[in-house]
C-alpha atoms as a PDB file:
ATOM      1  CA  MET A   1      42.793 -23.605  71.051  1.00  0.00           C
ATOM      2  CA  ASN A   2      39.076 -24.379  70.457  1.00  0.00           C
ATOM      3  CA  LYS A   3      38.886 -21.865  67.540  1.00  0.00           C
ATOM      4  CA  LYS A   4      41.860 -23.432  65.951  1.00  0.00           C
ATOM      5  CA  ILE A   5      40.389 -27.097  66.116  1.00  0.00           C
ATOM      6  CA  LEU A   6      37.024 -25.769  64.742  1.00  0.00           C
ATOM      7  CA  THR A   7      38.780 -24.056  61.897  1.00  0.00           C
ATOM      8  CA  ILE A   8      40.652 -27.219  61.178  1.00  0.00           C
ATOM      9  CA  PHE A   9      37.295 -29.162  61.303  1.00  0.00           C
ATOM     10  CA  ILE A  10      35.389 -26.895  59.104  1.00  0.00           C
ATOM     11  CA  THR A  11      38.253 -26.574  56.591  1.00  0.00           C
ATOM     12  CA  SER A  12      38.505 -30.359  56.336  1.00  0.00           C
ATOM     13  CA  CYS A  13      34.745 -30.768  55.761  1.00  0.00           C
ATOM     14  CA  VAL A  14      34.762 -28.100  52.971  1.00  0.00           C
ATOM     15  CA  LEU A  15      37.827 -29.774  51.179  1.00  0.00           C
ATOM     16  CA  THR A  16      36.290 -33.120  51.607  1.00  0.00           C
ATOM     17  CA  GLY A  17      33.060 -31.960  50.011  1.00  0.00           C
ATOM     18  CA  ALA A  18      34.814 -30.503  46.954  1.00  0.00           C
ATOM     19  CA  ALA A  19      36.713 -33.776  46.537  1.00  0.00           C
ATOM     20  CA  PHE A  20      33.443 -35.547  46.225  1.00  0.00           C
ATOM     21  CA  ALA A  21      31.904 -33.268  43.905  1.00  0.00           C
ATOM     22  CA  SER A  22      31.680 -34.303  40.306  1.00  0.00           C
ATOM     23  CA  GLU A  23      30.494 -32.859  36.994  1.00  0.00           C
ATOM     24  CA  ASP A  24      27.479 -34.194  35.452  1.00  0.00           C
ATOM     25  CA  CYS A  25      28.921 -33.721  31.854  1.00  0.00           C
ATOM     26  CA  THR A  26      32.483 -34.792  30.956  1.00  0.00           C
ATOM     27  CA  ASP A  27      32.504 -33.993  27.300  1.00  0.00           C
ATOM     28  CA  PRO A  28      35.824 -32.376  26.249  1.00  0.00           C
ATOM     29  CA  VAL A  29      35.240 -28.710  25.285  1.00  0.00           C
ATOM     30  CA  SER A  30      36.771 -29.388  21.835  1.00  0.00           C
ATOM     31  CA  ASP A  31      33.671 -31.486  21.125  1.00  0.00           C
ATOM     32  CA  TRP A  32      30.992 -29.035  22.231  1.00  0.00           C
ATOM     33  CA  GLN A  33      28.524 -27.740  19.784  1.00  0.00           C
ATOM     34  CA  PRO A  34      27.396 -23.854  19.924  1.00  0.00           C
ATOM     35  CA  ARG A  35      24.907 -22.764  22.270  1.00  0.00           C
ATOM     36  CA  GLN A  36      22.903 -21.344  19.412  1.00  0.00           C
ATOM     37  CA  HIS A  37      22.290 -24.827  18.049  1.00  0.00           C
ATOM     38  CA  LEU A  38      20.796 -26.011  21.272  1.00  0.00           C
ATOM     39  CA  ARG A  39      18.691 -22.744  21.543  1.00  0.00           C
ATOM     40  CA  GLN A  40      17.297 -23.710  17.993  1.00  0.00           C
ATOM     41  CA  MET A  41      16.741 -27.218  19.142  1.00  0.00           C
ATOM     42  CA  VAL A  42      14.617 -26.343  21.961  1.00  0.00           C
ATOM     43  CA  THR A  43      12.858 -23.427  20.373  1.00  0.00           C
ATOM     44  CA  ASP A  44      11.789 -25.711  17.614  1.00  0.00           C
ATOM     45  CA  ARG A  45      10.436 -27.968  20.257  1.00  0.00           C
ATOM     46  CA  GLY A  46       8.092 -24.910  21.309  1.00  0.00           C
ATOM     47  CA  TRP A  47      10.183 -23.728  24.320  1.00  0.00           C
ATOM     48  CA  GLN A  48      10.854 -20.027  25.189  1.00  0.00           C
ATOM     49  CA  VAL A  49      14.550 -19.819  26.326  1.00  0.00           C
ATOM     50  CA  ASP A  50      15.377 -17.373  29.082  1.00  0.00           C
ATOM     51  CA  ARG A  51      18.805 -18.404  29.540  1.00  0.00           C
ATOM     52  CA  ILE A  52      21.569 -21.090  28.526  1.00  0.00           C
ATOM     53  CA  LYS A  53      24.597 -21.298  30.807  1.00  0.00           C
ATOM     54  CA  VAL A  54      27.214 -23.981  31.499  1.00  0.00           C
ATOM     55  CA  ASP A  55      26.831 -25.763  34.856  1.00  0.00           C
ATOM     56  CA  ASP A  56      28.582 -28.939  36.130  1.00  0.00           C
ATOM     57  CA  GLY A  57      30.018 -29.296  32.632  1.00  0.00           C
ATOM     58  CA  CYS A  58      26.643 -29.240  31.052  1.00  0.00           C
ATOM     59  CA  TYR A  59      24.447 -26.807  29.112  1.00  0.00           C
ATOM     60  CA  GLU A  60      21.599 -25.690  31.525  1.00  0.00           C
ATOM     61  CA  VAL A  61      18.518 -24.096  29.749  1.00  0.00           C
ATOM     62  CA  LYS A  62      15.946 -22.306  31.707  1.00  0.00           C
ATOM     63  CA  GLY A  63      12.709 -21.005  30.377  1.00  0.00           C
ATOM     64  CA  LEU A  64       8.965 -21.767  29.650  1.00  0.00           C
ATOM     65  CA  ASP A  65       7.653 -24.731  27.614  1.00  0.00           C
ATOM     66  CA  ARG A  66       4.910 -24.309  25.057  1.00  0.00           C
ATOM     67  CA  LYS A  67       2.155 -24.400  27.708  1.00  0.00           C
ATOM     68  CA  GLY A  68       3.865 -21.853  29.960  1.00  0.00           C
ATOM     69  CA  ASN A  69       5.378 -24.239  32.615  1.00  0.00           C
ATOM     70  CA  ARG A  70       8.895 -23.277  33.844  1.00  0.00           C
ATOM     71  CA  ILE A  71      11.439 -25.753  32.719  1.00  0.00           C
ATOM     72  CA  GLU A  72      15.077 -26.135  33.726  1.00  0.00           C
ATOM     73  CA  ALA A  73      16.947 -28.744  31.607  1.00  0.00           C
ATOM     74  CA  LYS A  74      20.589 -29.894  31.409  1.00  0.00           C
ATOM     75  CA  PHE A  75      21.961 -31.298  28.277  1.00  0.00           C
ATOM     76  CA  SER A  76      25.406 -32.734  26.971  1.00  0.00           C
ATOM     77  CA  PRO A  77      27.190 -30.003  25.404  1.00  0.00           C
ATOM     78  CA  ALA A  78      28.617 -32.374  22.692  1.00  0.00           C
ATOM     79  CA  SER A  79      25.607 -34.535  21.788  1.00  0.00           C
ATOM     80  CA  PHE A  80      22.602 -32.321  23.329  1.00  0.00           C
ATOM     81  CA  SER A  81      21.460 -35.608  24.902  1.00  0.00           C
ATOM     82  CA  LEU A  82      19.137 -34.639  27.776  1.00  0.00           C
ATOM     83  CA  ILE A  83      20.809 -35.211  31.133  1.00  0.00           C
ATOM     84  CA  GLU A  84      18.027 -33.611  33.644  1.00  0.00           C
ATOM     85  CA  LEU A  85      14.674 -31.972  33.298  1.00  0.00           C
ATOM     86  CA  GLU A  86      12.764 -30.192  35.855  1.00  0.00           C
ATOM     87  CA  ILE A  87       9.177 -29.023  35.117  1.00  0.00           C
ATOM     88  CA  GLU A  88       7.321 -26.794  37.562  1.00  0.00           C
ATOM     89  CA  PHE A  89       3.411 -27.073  36.349  1.00  0.00           C
ATOM     90  CA  ASP A  90       0.748 -24.673  37.320  1.00  0.00           C
ATOM     91  CA  GLU A  91      -2.475 -25.751  38.792  1.00  0.00           C
ATOM     92  CA  SER A  92      -3.931 -26.923  35.552  1.00  0.00           C
ATOM     93  CA  GLY A  93      -0.662 -28.578  34.673  1.00  0.00           C
ATOM     94  CA  ASP A  94      -0.713 -31.246  32.130  1.00  0.00           C
ATOM     95  CA  ALA A  95       2.179 -33.637  31.665  1.00  0.00           C
ATOM     96  CA  SER A  96       1.200 -35.100  28.193  1.00  0.00           C
ATOM     97  CA  ASP A  97       3.972 -33.436  26.313  1.00  0.00           C
ATOM     98  CA  TYR A  98       6.546 -35.024  28.582  1.00  0.00           C
ATOM     99  CA  LEU A  99       4.908 -38.539  28.749  1.00  0.00           C
ATOM    100  CA  LYS A 100       6.539 -39.304  25.310  1.00  0.00           C
ATOM    101  CA  GLY A 101      10.132 -39.102  25.890  1.00  0.00           C
ATOM    102  CA  TRP A 102      12.492 -36.460  24.584  1.00  0.00           C
ATOM    103  CA  ASP A 103      13.914 -38.689  21.725  1.00  0.00           C
ATOM    104  CA  GLY A 104      10.280 -40.024  20.887  1.00  0.00           C
ATOM    105  CA  VAL A 105      10.543 -43.325  22.824  1.00  0.00           C
ATOM    106  CA  THR A 106       7.354 -44.256  24.360  1.00  0.00           C
ATOM    107  CA  LYS A 107       6.243 -47.278  26.730  1.00  0.00           C
ATOM    108  CA  THR A 108       4.422 -48.836  23.709  1.00  0.00           C
ATOM    109  CA  ASP A 109       7.873 -49.383  22.315  1.00  0.00           C
ATOM    110  CA  GLY A 110       7.999 -52.553  24.372  1.00  0.00           C
ATOM    111  CA  MET A 111      11.242 -54.579  24.509  1.00  0.00           C
ATOM    112  CA  ASN A 112      12.570 -52.817  21.277  1.00  0.00           C
ATOM    113  CA  PRO A 113      16.455 -52.552  22.225  1.00  0.00           C
ATOM    114  CA  LYS A 114      16.713 -49.558  19.816  1.00  0.00           C
ATOM    115  CA  ALA A 115      13.945 -47.665  21.591  1.00  0.00           C
ATOM    116  CA  HIS A 116      15.671 -47.918  25.044  1.00  0.00           C
ATOM    117  CA  ARG A 117      18.273 -45.703  26.437  1.00  0.00           C
ATOM    118  CA  SER A 118      20.469 -47.048  29.129  1.00  0.00           C
ATOM    119  CA  ASN A 119      21.259 -43.584  30.227  1.00  0.00           C
ATOM    120  CA  LYS A 120      17.873 -42.172  30.914  1.00  0.00           C
ATOM    121  CA  PRO A 121      17.678 -38.661  31.993  1.00  0.00           C
ATOM    122  CA  LYS A 122      16.416 -37.711  35.478  1.00  0.00           C
ATOM    123  CA  VAL A 123      13.205 -35.838  35.624  1.00  0.00           C
ATOM    124  CA  THR A 124      11.629 -33.903  38.269  1.00  0.00           C
ATOM    125  CA  ILE A 125       7.989 -32.880  38.130  1.00  0.00           C
ATOM    126  CA  GLU A 126       6.694 -30.551  40.780  1.00  0.00           C
END
């Protein structure tokens, strides 16, 4: 009897968790751009790409930045807008490349409405 109750409880927890899971990107697949275009874009930025895969509906890029820091970034597959960025710096880590936003927006842009994005990416620096 106890095993049956435990099994029902665990099953309901798993199903409830799956119901609350959501994708980070919701672009229709018909609007997606090829991965190779994203690879070219980040390579032009100085990144060395190890892998591009689809995760939670987004393109996820893993590799190294121009200074050798490990990076993991999520991009919208339709617009290539940056959704999330994680950087692992070494002991001599320098965040100067990342103080200026991905799209060139800096703090000095003040209150210029064209310079601000309403959906800023999540950034994690370790």
